Amino acid sequence: MIKTLIRLKILKFLLISGVSATYAFKKYCGQKNKEKVKKDNKQLPLTR
């Protein structure tokens, strides 16, 4: 029974850390994409 509890706690820890790592990675990529869009927008010349 103790082994089962330890396994469940380890599984819970792995799931939580995986979700938080995915969130951090997604947030980091989102920031890089925003910076890229800002750079692309600044390079467009104004023509009238």
Protein backbone atom coordinates (compact mmCIF):
# COMPACT_ATOMS: atom_id res chain seq x y z
CA MET A 1 0.00 0.00 0.00
CA ILE A 2 2.84 2.41 0.79
CA LYS A 3 4.48 1.65 -2.58
CA THR A 4 1.22 2.47 -4.32
CA LEU A 5 0.95 5.81 -2.50
CA ILE A 6 4.53 6.68 -3.39
CA ARG A 7 3.89 5.81 -7.04
CA LEU A 8 0.75 7.95 -7.09
CA LYS A 9 2.60 10.90 -5.57
CA ILE A 10 5.38 10.55 -8.14
CA LEU A 11 2.83 10.36 -10.94
CA LYS A 12 1.05 13.45 -9.59
CA PHE A 13 4.36 15.33 -9.41
CA LEU A 14 5.23 14.34 -12.99
CA LEU A 15 1.83 15.46 -14.30
CA ILE A 16 1.97 18.83 -12.53
CA SER A 17 5.55 19.50 -13.62
CA GLY A 18 4.71 18.51 -17.20
CA VAL A 19 1.74 20.86 -17.33
CA SER A 20 3.71 23.73 -15.84
CA ALA A 21 6.60 23.14 -18.25
CA THR A 22 4.19 23.14 -21.19
CA TYR A 23 2.62 26.38 -20.00
CA ALA A 24 6.02 28.05 -19.59
CA PHE A 25 7.15 26.88 -23.03
CA LYS A 26 3.94 28.12 -24.65
CA LYS A 27 4.25 31.50 -22.92
CA TYR A 28 7.90 31.82 -24.00
CA CYS A 29 7.05 31.02 -27.63
CA GLY A 30 4.15 33.47 -27.53
CA GLN A 31 6.46 36.27 -26.42
CA LYS A 32 8.95 35.47 -29.21
CA ASN A 33 6.14 35.50 -31.78
CA LYS A 34 4.89 38.89 -30.53
CA GLU A 35 8.39 40.36 -30.83
CA LYS A 36 8.72 38.96 -34.35
CA VAL A 37 5.40 40.49 -35.40
CA LYS A 38 6.42 43.87 -33.97
CA LYS A 39 9.70 43.79 -35.91
CA ASP A 40 7.91 42.85 -39.13
CA ASN A 41 5.40 45.66 -38.71
CA LYS A 42 8.10 48.31 -38.19
CA GLN A 43 9.86 47.44 -41.45
CA LEU A 44 6.88 48.17 -43.68
CA PRO A 45 7.31 51.50 -45.56
CA LEU A 46 4.46 53.99 -45.67
CA THR A 47 3.36 54.70 -49.24
CA ARG A 48 0.57 57.01 -50.33
